[in-house]
């Protein structure tokens, strides 16, 4: 039933995709060029890698952009709260007077039926 010559070490060893030669080197060079264009000051020397990455990490958006994003977030929250408030209006509590008034507007047969159902309900008694 099982193949005794089966070798588990050969499972999953082939890569399902391939990349051209030098792809990752070119990718790294392109990334360094972009960092250099951002004013990070990288000169292509790998010794500057930690400082360059730290400078890129500390780069913050301008204050105006941050303020705009914050105001948009607050406006979105307020809009959401307003929509929820409009769609779910507060209901007033039903009082016994409201129930008595509704019951008195029913026909005599309906009133008798409700009283009968109430008296037969095992959960109410």
Foldseek 3Di string as FASTA:
>chain_A
DDDPPDDPVPPPPDDPDDDDPCPVVVVVVVVVVVLVVVVLPDPPDCVCVVSSVVVVVPDDDDPVVVVVVVVVVVVVVVVVVVVVCVVDPDDDDDDVVNVVVVLVPDDPVVNVVVVVCCVPDPVND
